[in-house]
Amino acid sequence: MQLDKVFLEKGIRNCFISEVTVLELRYGAENSQDPSKSHMAVSHLINSLSILPVGGIVDEYAKMKVHLRKQGTPMHDEFDLIIGVTAMVHDLVLVTHNVKDFKAMPNLQIQNWVEA
């Protein structure tokens, strides 16, 4: 599914991005075959979205990390854990193609728009 179409259907004002996701996108752009072109594409995307800061999720992050460890399902990617907790704290649906890495997080709403 084309993301532009999904954004139109959902309403761009209803779509948010974590500061951590911005970091990951910038790294990917810098590491691409054409960093300049990739950074322009990232800028186009993130300039259309509201960026959610991660500073306000610190307590919930710690609770979730301990919970997952005690359940025997720790997340191996700290960025994914931060992104997931950010969505939970803001009561948002996490949109990702990487569904399996977030499954252990209780009460996290997940959608995969790529397979939709």
N, C-alpha and C. Protein backbone atom coordinates (compact mmCIF):
# COMPACT_ATOMS: atom_id res chain seq x y z
N MET A 1 0.84 -1.17 0.00
CA MET A 1 0.00 0.00 0.00
C MET A 1 0.89 1.24 0.00
N GLN A 2 0.52 2.23 -0.79
CA GLN A 2 1.30 3.46 -0.84
C GLN A 2 1.04 4.30 0.40
N LEU A 3 2.13 4.75 1.02
CA LEU A 3 1.99 5.52 2.25
C LEU A 3 1.24 6.82 2.03
N ASP A 4 1.45 7.48 0.89
CA ASP A 4 0.73 8.72 0.63
C ASP A 4 -0.77 8.50 0.68
N LYS A 5 -1.21 7.38 0.12
CA LYS A 5 -2.64 7.05 0.11
C LYS A 5 -3.13 6.81 1.53
N VAL A 6 -2.35 6.09 2.32
CA VAL A 6 -2.73 5.80 3.70
C VAL A 6 -2.80 7.10 4.50
N PHE A 7 -1.81 7.97 4.34
CA PHE A 7 -1.83 9.24 5.06
C PHE A 7 -3.08 10.05 4.71
N LEU A 8 -3.48 10.02 3.45
CA LEU A 8 -4.69 10.74 3.05
C LEU A 8 -5.92 10.11 3.69
N GLU A 9 -5.98 8.78 3.71
CA GLU A 9 -7.12 8.09 4.31
C GLU A 9 -7.21 8.34 5.82
N LYS A 10 -6.08 8.27 6.49
CA LYS A 10 -6.05 8.42 7.95
C LYS A 10 -6.07 9.89 8.38
N GLY A 11 -5.58 10.75 7.52
CA GLY A 11 -5.46 12.16 7.86
C GLY A 11 -4.09 12.42 8.44
N ILE A 12 -3.30 13.22 7.78
CA ILE A 12 -1.92 13.46 8.18
C ILE A 12 -1.84 14.02 9.61
N ARG A 13 -2.88 14.74 10.04
CA ARG A 13 -2.89 15.28 11.41
C ARG A 13 -3.04 14.18 12.45
N ASN A 14 -3.44 13.00 12.02
CA ASN A 14 -3.60 11.86 12.92
C ASN A 14 -2.38 10.95 12.92
N CYS A 15 -1.32 11.36 12.26
CA CYS A 15 -0.11 10.55 12.16
C CYS A 15 1.04 11.27 12.87
N PHE A 16 1.76 10.50 13.68
CA PHE A 16 2.85 11.04 14.49
C PHE A 16 4.10 10.18 14.30
N ILE A 17 5.23 10.72 14.69
CA ILE A 17 6.48 9.97 14.59
C ILE A 17 7.31 10.26 15.84
N SER A 18 7.96 9.24 16.34
CA SER A 18 8.81 9.38 17.52
C SER A 18 10.13 10.04 17.15
N GLU A 19 10.68 10.79 18.08
CA GLU A 19 12.02 11.35 17.87
C GLU A 19 13.02 10.25 17.53
N VAL A 20 12.84 9.08 18.13
CA VAL A 20 13.76 7.98 17.88
C VAL A 20 13.63 7.47 16.45
N THR A 21 12.42 7.47 15.93
CA THR A 21 12.23 7.06 14.54
C THR A 21 12.91 8.05 13.60
N VAL A 22 12.88 9.32 13.95
CA VAL A 22 13.58 10.33 13.15
C VAL A 22 15.08 10.02 13.14
N LEU A 23 15.63 9.66 14.30
CA LEU A 23 17.04 9.29 14.36
C LEU A 23 17.34 8.11 13.43
N GLU A 24 16.48 7.10 13.47
CA GLU A 24 16.69 5.92 12.63
C GLU A 24 16.58 6.26 11.15
N LEU A 25 15.63 7.11 10.81
CA LEU A 25 15.48 7.51 9.41
C LEU A 25 16.67 8.32 8.92
N ARG A 26 17.18 9.20 9.77
CA ARG A 26 18.35 10.00 9.39
C ARG A 26 19.59 9.11 9.22
N TYR A 27 19.74 8.14 10.10
CA TYR A 27 20.86 7.20 9.96
C TYR A 27 20.73 6.43 8.64
N GLY A 28 19.53 5.94 8.36
CA GLY A 28 19.32 5.22 7.11
C GLY A 28 19.61 6.07 5.90
N ALA A 29 19.21 7.33 5.94
CA ALA A 29 19.47 8.23 4.82
C ALA A 29 20.97 8.46 4.64
N GLU A 30 21.65 8.69 5.75
CA GLU A 30 23.10 8.93 5.69
C GLU A 30 23.85 7.70 5.19
N ASN A 31 23.32 6.55 5.47
CA ASN A 31 23.97 5.29 5.11
C ASN A 31 23.55 4.79 3.72
N SER A 32 22.71 5.54 3.03
CA SER A 32 22.18 5.10 1.73
C SER A 32 23.17 5.38 0.60
N GLN A 33 22.82 4.90 -0.58
CA GLN A 33 23.64 5.13 -1.77
C GLN A 33 23.65 6.61 -2.18
N ASP A 34 22.56 7.31 -1.88
CA ASP A 34 22.44 8.72 -2.23
C ASP A 34 21.94 9.50 -1.01
N PRO A 35 22.84 9.81 -0.06
CA PRO A 35 22.42 10.47 1.17
C PRO A 35 21.63 11.76 0.96
N SER A 36 22.03 12.57 0.02
CA SER A 36 21.34 13.84 -0.20
C SER A 36 19.89 13.61 -0.58
N LYS A 37 19.66 12.73 -1.53
CA LYS A 37 18.31 12.41 -1.98
C LYS A 37 17.50 11.76 -0.84
N SER A 38 18.13 10.88 -0.11
CA SER A 38 17.45 10.19 0.99
C SER A 38 17.08 11.16 2.10
N HIS A 39 17.98 12.08 2.44
CA HIS A 39 17.68 13.07 3.48
C HIS A 39 16.51 13.97 3.05
N MET A 40 16.44 14.28 1.76
CA MET A 40 15.32 15.08 1.27
C MET A 40 14.01 14.32 1.45
N ALA A 41 14.01 13.03 1.16
CA ALA A 41 12.81 12.22 1.32
C ALA A 41 12.40 12.13 2.80
N VAL A 42 13.38 11.96 3.68
CA VAL A 42 13.11 11.91 5.12
C VAL A 42 12.54 13.25 5.57
N SER A 43 13.14 14.34 5.13
CA SER A 43 12.65 15.67 5.51
C SER A 43 11.21 15.86 5.05
N HIS A 44 10.90 15.44 3.85
CA HIS A 44 9.54 15.56 3.33
C HIS A 44 8.56 14.81 4.23
N LEU A 45 8.94 13.62 4.65
CA LEU A 45 8.07 12.82 5.52
C LEU A 45 7.92 13.47 6.89
N ILE A 46 9.03 13.75 7.55
CA ILE A 46 8.94 14.22 8.94
C ILE A 46 8.38 15.64 9.04
N ASN A 47 8.52 16.42 8.00
CA ASN A 47 7.94 17.77 8.03
C ASN A 47 6.42 17.73 7.92
N SER A 48 5.88 16.58 7.52
CA SER A 48 4.44 16.42 7.40
C SER A 48 3.82 15.89 8.69
N LEU A 49 4.64 15.42 9.60
CA LEU A 49 4.15 14.74 10.80
C LEU A 49 4.50 15.52 12.07
N SER A 50 3.73 15.25 13.11
CA SER A 50 4.08 15.78 14.43
C SER A 50 5.09 14.83 15.05
N ILE A 51 6.18 15.38 15.56
CA ILE A 51 7.24 14.57 16.17
C ILE A 51 6.99 14.50 17.68
N LEU A 52 6.90 13.28 18.19
CA LEU A 52 6.66 13.06 19.61
C LEU A 52 7.97 12.96 20.37
N PRO A 53 8.18 13.81 21.36
CA PRO A 53 9.40 13.73 22.17
C PRO A 53 9.36 12.50 23.07
N VAL A 54 10.52 12.00 23.42
CA VAL A 54 10.59 10.81 24.26
C VAL A 54 10.87 11.13 25.72
N GLY A 55 11.13 12.38 26.04
CA GLY A 55 11.45 12.74 27.41
C GLY A 55 10.36 12.42 28.41
N GLY A 56 9.12 12.47 27.99
CA GLY A 56 8.00 12.24 28.89
C GLY A 56 7.64 10.79 29.12
N ILE A 57 8.40 9.87 28.54
CA ILE A 57 8.05 8.45 28.66
C ILE A 57 8.99 7.68 29.58
N VAL A 58 9.89 8.37 30.22
CA VAL A 58 10.97 7.73 30.97
C VAL A 58 10.46 6.72 32.00
N ASP A 59 9.48 7.10 32.80
CA ASP A 59 8.98 6.20 33.84
C ASP A 59 8.32 4.96 33.22
N GLU A 60 7.50 5.17 32.20
CA GLU A 60 6.82 4.04 31.56
C GLU A 60 7.81 3.13 30.83
N TYR A 61 8.84 3.72 30.26
CA TYR A 61 9.90 2.94 29.62
C TYR A 61 10.54 1.99 30.63
N ALA A 62 10.89 2.51 31.80
CA ALA A 62 11.54 1.68 32.83
C ALA A 62 10.60 0.56 33.28
N LYS A 63 9.34 0.90 33.50
CA LYS A 63 8.36 -0.12 33.92
C LYS A 63 8.21 -1.21 32.87
N MET A 64 8.10 -0.82 31.61
CA MET A 64 7.91 -1.80 30.53
C MET A 64 9.15 -2.66 30.36
N LYS A 65 10.32 -2.06 30.46
CA LYS A 65 11.56 -2.84 30.30
C LYS A 65 11.66 -3.90 31.38
N VAL A 66 11.35 -3.53 32.63
CA VAL A 66 11.38 -4.50 33.73
C VAL A 66 10.30 -5.56 33.53
N HIS A 67 9.11 -5.14 33.15
CA HIS A 67 8.01 -6.08 32.92
C HIS A 67 8.40 -7.14 31.87
N LEU A 68 8.92 -6.69 30.75
CA LEU A 68 9.29 -7.62 29.68
C LEU A 68 10.41 -8.56 30.12
N ARG A 69 11.38 -8.05 30.87
CA ARG A 69 12.46 -8.89 31.37
C ARG A 69 11.92 -9.96 32.31
N LYS A 70 11.05 -9.55 33.22
CA LYS A 70 10.48 -10.51 34.18
C LYS A 70 9.59 -11.54 33.50
N GLN A 71 8.99 -11.18 32.38
CA GLN A 71 8.15 -12.12 31.62
C GLN A 71 8.99 -13.05 30.73
N GLY A 72 10.29 -12.78 30.69
CA GLY A 72 11.18 -13.59 29.86
C GLY A 72 11.12 -13.22 28.40
N THR A 73 10.62 -12.00 28.11
CA THR A 73 10.52 -11.53 26.72
C THR A 73 11.15 -10.15 26.55
N PRO A 74 12.40 -10.00 26.97
CA PRO A 74 13.01 -8.66 26.85
C PRO A 74 13.14 -8.25 25.39
N MET A 75 13.03 -6.96 25.15
CA MET A 75 13.24 -6.46 23.78
C MET A 75 14.73 -6.26 23.60
N HIS A 76 15.23 -6.68 22.47
CA HIS A 76 16.66 -6.62 22.21
C HIS A 76 17.08 -5.32 21.51
N ASP A 77 16.10 -4.54 21.12
CA ASP A 77 16.40 -3.26 20.47
C ASP A 77 15.82 -2.14 21.32
N GLU A 78 16.69 -1.39 21.98
CA GLU A 78 16.24 -0.31 22.86
C GLU A 78 15.41 0.73 22.11
N PHE A 79 15.78 1.01 20.87
CA PHE A 79 15.00 1.98 20.10
C PHE A 79 13.58 1.50 19.91
N ASP A 80 13.40 0.21 19.59
CA ASP A 80 12.05 -0.33 19.43
C ASP A 80 11.24 -0.21 20.71
N LEU A 81 11.88 -0.47 21.83
CA LEU A 81 11.19 -0.36 23.11
C LEU A 81 10.76 1.09 23.35
N ILE A 82 11.61 2.03 23.08
CA ILE A 82 11.28 3.45 23.25
C ILE A 82 10.14 3.84 22.32
N ILE A 83 10.20 3.41 21.08
CA ILE A 83 9.15 3.73 20.10
C ILE A 83 7.81 3.13 20.55
N GLY A 84 7.83 1.89 20.99
CA GLY A 84 6.60 1.24 21.44
C GLY A 84 6.01 1.93 22.66
N VAL A 85 6.83 2.25 23.63
CA VAL A 85 6.35 2.92 24.83
C VAL A 85 5.83 4.32 24.49
N THR A 86 6.47 5.00 23.57
CA THR A 86 5.99 6.32 23.14
C THR A 86 4.57 6.21 22.59
N ALA A 87 4.33 5.22 21.76
CA ALA A 87 2.97 5.02 21.22
C ALA A 87 1.98 4.72 22.34
N MET A 88 2.38 3.88 23.29
CA MET A 88 1.49 3.53 24.40
C MET A 88 1.17 4.73 25.27
N VAL A 89 2.18 5.50 25.63
CA VAL A 89 1.97 6.66 26.50
C VAL A 89 1.01 7.67 25.86
N HIS A 90 1.09 7.80 24.55
CA HIS A 90 0.24 8.76 23.85
C HIS A 90 -1.06 8.13 23.34
N ASP A 91 -1.28 6.86 23.72
CA ASP A 91 -2.48 6.12 23.32
C ASP A 91 -2.66 6.13 21.81
N LEU A 92 -1.58 5.79 21.11
CA LEU A 92 -1.59 5.77 19.65
C LEU A 92 -1.36 4.35 19.15
N VAL A 93 -1.76 4.11 17.93
CA VAL A 93 -1.49 2.85 17.25
C VAL A 93 -0.08 2.93 16.67
N LEU A 94 0.72 1.90 16.93
CA LEU A 94 2.07 1.84 16.35
C LEU A 94 1.96 1.21 14.98
N VAL A 95 2.41 1.92 13.97
CA VAL A 95 2.40 1.41 12.60
C VAL A 95 3.81 0.95 12.28
N THR A 96 3.94 -0.34 11.96
CA THR A 96 5.26 -0.90 11.67
C THR A 96 5.12 -2.15 10.80
N HIS A 97 6.12 -2.40 10.01
CA HIS A 97 6.21 -3.66 9.26
C HIS A 97 6.90 -4.71 10.14
N ASN A 98 7.51 -4.25 11.21
CA ASN A 98 8.28 -5.08 12.13
C ASN A 98 7.40 -5.50 13.32
N VAL A 99 6.27 -6.09 13.03
CA VAL A 99 5.28 -6.41 14.06
C VAL A 99 5.82 -7.37 15.11
N LYS A 100 6.59 -8.36 14.70
CA LYS A 100 7.02 -9.41 15.63
C LYS A 100 7.83 -8.89 16.81
N ASP A 101 8.61 -7.83 16.60
CA ASP A 101 9.45 -7.31 17.68
C ASP A 101 8.66 -6.54 18.74
N PHE A 102 7.40 -6.24 18.46
CA PHE A 102 6.59 -5.48 19.41
C PHE A 102 5.49 -6.32 20.06
N LYS A 103 5.35 -7.56 19.64
CA LYS A 103 4.24 -8.41 20.11
C LYS A 103 4.22 -8.61 21.62
N ALA A 104 5.35 -8.61 22.27
CA ALA A 104 5.40 -8.89 23.71
C ALA A 104 4.93 -7.72 24.55
N MET A 105 4.78 -6.56 23.96
CA MET A 105 4.38 -5.37 24.72
C MET A 105 2.87 -5.39 24.93
N PRO A 106 2.43 -5.60 26.18
CA PRO A 106 0.99 -5.67 26.43
C PRO A 106 0.31 -4.32 26.19
N ASN A 107 -0.88 -4.40 25.65
CA ASN A 107 -1.73 -3.22 25.41
C ASN A 107 -1.22 -2.30 24.32
N LEU A 108 -0.19 -2.70 23.59
CA LEU A 108 0.29 -1.89 22.47
C LEU A 108 -0.54 -2.23 21.24
N GLN A 109 -1.17 -1.22 20.67
CA GLN A 109 -1.94 -1.41 19.45
C GLN A 109 -0.98 -1.32 18.26
N ILE A 110 -1.02 -2.33 17.38
CA ILE A 110 -0.08 -2.39 16.26
C ILE A 110 -0.85 -2.59 14.96
N GLN A 111 -0.41 -1.89 13.91
CA GLN A 111 -0.92 -2.10 12.57
C GLN A 111 0.25 -2.16 11.59
N ASN A 112 0.10 -2.98 10.58
CA ASN A 112 1.10 -3.09 9.52
C ASN A 112 0.46 -2.57 8.23
N TRP A 113 0.77 -1.34 7.87
CA TRP A 113 0.18 -0.75 6.68
C TRP A 113 0.77 -1.30 5.39
N VAL A 114 1.93 -1.92 5.48
CA VAL A 114 2.56 -2.50 4.29
C VAL A 114 1.76 -3.70 3.82
N GLU A 115 1.28 -4.50 4.76
CA GLU A 115 0.52 -5.70 4.41
C GLU A 115 -0.97 -5.44 4.31
N ALA A 116 -1.41 -4.24 4.68
CA ALA A 116 -2.85 -3.93 4.65
C ALA A 116 -3.38 -3.83 3.23
